[in-house]
């Protein structure tokens, strides 16, 4: 069953980022995530909303 919850590795692969970059963005509060027992987890819907918001920010700067 698909849970909609992603790990750092899965988010990094999805966003085509290095895992360290994913950790940094999350720790800085730029990428939405939450900790479960010391490990970062991400709701897939939140990551997708974050992606859409990045497009809006980029479009606003043009």
N, C-alpha and C. Protein backbone atom coordinates (compact mmCIF):
# COMPACT_ATOMS: atom_id res chain seq x y z
N UNK A 1 0.85 -1.18 0.00
CA UNK A 1 0.00 0.00 0.00
C UNK A 1 0.90 1.24 0.00
N UNK A 2 0.56 2.20 -0.84
CA UNK A 2 1.32 3.44 -0.90
C UNK A 2 0.84 4.38 0.20
N UNK A 3 1.78 4.87 1.01
CA UNK A 3 1.41 5.67 2.18
C UNK A 3 1.40 7.16 1.91
N UNK A 4 2.12 7.60 0.87
CA UNK A 4 2.23 9.04 0.63
C UNK A 4 3.29 9.70 1.49
N UNK A 5 4.05 8.88 2.24
CA UNK A 5 5.13 9.38 3.09
C UNK A 5 6.44 8.96 2.44
N UNK A 6 7.35 9.93 2.30
CA UNK A 6 8.61 9.70 1.62
C UNK A 6 9.80 9.87 2.56
N UNK A 7 10.88 9.20 2.27
CA UNK A 7 12.13 9.34 3.03
C UNK A 7 12.99 10.43 2.37
N UNK A 8 14.07 10.80 3.01
CA UNK A 8 15.01 11.78 2.45
C UNK A 8 15.53 11.26 1.10
N UNK A 9 15.89 10.00 1.06
CA UNK A 9 16.41 9.42 -0.18
C UNK A 9 15.39 9.52 -1.31
N UNK A 10 14.14 9.20 -1.02
CA UNK A 10 13.09 9.25 -2.03
C UNK A 10 12.84 10.68 -2.51
N UNK A 11 12.82 11.63 -1.58
CA UNK A 11 12.62 13.03 -1.95
C UNK A 11 13.80 13.54 -2.78
N UNK A 12 15.00 13.18 -2.37
CA UNK A 12 16.19 13.60 -3.12
C UNK A 12 16.14 13.07 -4.55
N UNK A 13 15.76 11.82 -4.71
CA UNK A 13 15.65 11.24 -6.05
C UNK A 13 14.54 11.93 -6.85
N UNK A 14 13.42 12.17 -6.20
CA UNK A 14 12.27 12.80 -6.85
C UNK A 14 12.60 14.21 -7.34
N UNK A 15 13.33 14.96 -6.51
CA UNK A 15 13.69 16.34 -6.85
C UNK A 15 15.02 16.45 -7.59
N UNK A 16 15.67 15.31 -7.80
CA UNK A 16 16.98 15.28 -8.47
C UNK A 16 18.00 16.12 -7.69
N UNK A 17 18.01 15.91 -6.37
CA UNK A 17 18.92 16.61 -5.47
C UNK A 17 19.85 15.61 -4.79
N UNK A 18 20.94 16.12 -4.27
CA UNK A 18 21.80 15.34 -3.41
C UNK A 18 21.08 15.20 -2.07
N UNK A 19 21.27 14.08 -1.39
CA UNK A 19 20.62 13.89 -0.09
C UNK A 19 21.04 14.98 0.91
N UNK A 20 22.29 15.42 0.87
CA UNK A 20 22.75 16.47 1.78
C UNK A 20 21.99 17.77 1.54
N UNK A 21 21.72 18.07 0.28
CA UNK A 21 20.96 19.28 -0.05
C UNK A 21 19.54 19.16 0.48
N UNK A 22 18.97 17.98 0.36
CA UNK A 22 17.62 17.74 0.87
C UNK A 22 17.58 17.95 2.38
N UNK A 23 18.57 17.40 3.10
CA UNK A 23 18.65 17.60 4.55
C UNK A 23 18.77 19.08 4.89
N UNK A 24 19.64 19.79 4.17
CA UNK A 24 19.87 21.21 4.45
C UNK A 24 18.61 22.03 4.23
N UNK A 25 17.95 21.83 3.09
CA UNK A 25 16.72 22.58 2.80
C UNK A 25 15.64 22.31 3.85
N UNK A 26 15.58 21.07 4.29
CA UNK A 26 14.57 20.71 5.30
C UNK A 26 14.92 21.33 6.65
N UNK A 27 16.17 21.22 7.06
CA UNK A 27 16.60 21.80 8.34
C UNK A 27 16.42 23.31 8.37
N UNK A 28 16.58 23.96 7.22
CA UNK A 28 16.39 25.41 7.12
C UNK A 28 14.92 25.79 7.04
N UNK A 29 14.03 24.82 6.99
CA UNK A 29 12.59 25.09 6.91
C UNK A 29 12.13 25.46 5.51
N UNK A 30 12.96 25.25 4.51
CA UNK A 30 12.60 25.59 3.13
C UNK A 30 11.84 24.46 2.44
N UNK A 31 12.06 23.25 2.85
CA UNK A 31 11.39 22.08 2.30
C UNK A 31 10.55 21.47 3.42
N UNK A 32 9.25 21.27 3.20
CA UNK A 32 8.39 20.80 4.29
C UNK A 32 8.63 19.34 4.65
N UNK A 33 8.99 19.11 5.90
CA UNK A 33 9.20 17.75 6.38
C UNK A 33 8.95 17.68 7.87
N UNK A 34 8.99 16.48 8.41
CA UNK A 34 8.79 16.29 9.84
C UNK A 34 9.66 15.12 10.29
N UNK A 35 9.99 15.12 11.55
CA UNK A 35 10.84 14.06 12.08
C UNK A 35 10.01 12.98 12.75
N UNK A 36 10.43 11.74 12.50
CA UNK A 36 9.86 10.58 13.17
C UNK A 36 11.04 9.83 13.78
N UNK A 37 11.15 9.88 15.08
CA UNK A 37 12.24 9.20 15.76
C UNK A 37 13.62 9.61 15.29
N UNK A 38 13.79 10.87 14.92
CA UNK A 38 15.08 11.37 14.49
C UNK A 38 15.33 11.30 13.00
N UNK A 39 14.41 10.70 12.25
CA UNK A 39 14.55 10.61 10.79
C UNK A 39 13.53 11.51 10.11
N UNK A 40 13.98 12.23 9.09
CA UNK A 40 13.07 13.10 8.35
C UNK A 40 12.14 12.29 7.47
N UNK A 41 10.89 12.73 7.42
CA UNK A 41 9.88 12.15 6.54
C UNK A 41 9.14 13.30 5.89
N UNK A 42 8.53 13.02 4.74
CA UNK A 42 7.86 14.04 3.95
C UNK A 42 6.53 13.51 3.42
N UNK A 43 5.52 14.33 3.51
CA UNK A 43 4.25 13.96 2.88
C UNK A 43 4.37 14.32 1.40
N UNK A 44 4.06 13.36 0.55
CA UNK A 44 4.18 13.57 -0.89
C UNK A 44 3.39 14.79 -1.35
N UNK A 45 2.21 14.99 -0.81
CA UNK A 45 1.38 16.13 -1.20
C UNK A 45 2.06 17.45 -0.83
N UNK A 46 2.75 17.50 0.32
CA UNK A 46 3.46 18.72 0.73
C UNK A 46 4.63 19.02 -0.20
N UNK A 47 5.35 17.98 -0.61
CA UNK A 47 6.47 18.16 -1.53
C UNK A 47 5.96 18.69 -2.87
N UNK A 48 4.86 18.13 -3.35
CA UNK A 48 4.28 18.59 -4.62
C UNK A 48 3.80 20.03 -4.53
N UNK A 49 3.22 20.41 -3.41
CA UNK A 49 2.79 21.80 -3.21
C UNK A 49 4.00 22.73 -3.17
N UNK A 50 5.08 22.27 -2.54
CA UNK A 50 6.31 23.05 -2.48
C UNK A 50 6.86 23.29 -3.88
N UNK A 51 6.82 22.27 -4.72
CA UNK A 51 7.28 22.41 -6.11
C UNK A 51 6.46 23.48 -6.83
N UNK A 52 5.15 23.43 -6.72
CA UNK A 52 4.28 24.41 -7.36
C UNK A 52 4.60 25.81 -6.85
N UNK A 53 4.82 25.94 -5.55
CA UNK A 53 5.14 27.25 -4.97
C UNK A 53 6.46 27.78 -5.53
N UNK A 54 7.42 26.91 -5.80
CA UNK A 54 8.70 27.35 -6.36
C UNK A 54 8.51 27.93 -7.75
N UNK A 55 7.61 27.33 -8.54
CA UNK A 55 7.32 27.87 -9.86
C UNK A 55 6.69 29.25 -9.76
N UNK A 56 5.80 29.43 -8.78
CA UNK A 56 5.16 30.74 -8.59
C UNK A 56 6.18 31.78 -8.19
N UNK A 57 7.11 31.42 -7.32
CA UNK A 57 8.16 32.36 -6.91
C UNK A 57 9.01 32.74 -8.10
N UNK A 58 9.41 31.76 -8.92
CA UNK A 58 10.22 32.04 -10.11
C UNK A 58 9.49 32.91 -11.10
N UNK A 59 8.22 32.66 -11.31
CA UNK A 59 7.43 33.46 -12.25
C UNK A 59 7.27 34.89 -11.76
N UNK A 60 7.18 35.07 -10.45
CA UNK A 60 7.03 36.40 -9.88
C UNK A 60 8.28 37.26 -9.99
N UNK A 61 9.43 36.62 -10.16
CA UNK A 61 10.67 37.39 -10.25
C UNK A 61 11.01 37.80 -11.66
N UNK A 62 10.20 37.39 -12.63
CA UNK A 62 10.47 37.75 -14.03
C UNK A 62 9.84 39.06 -14.41
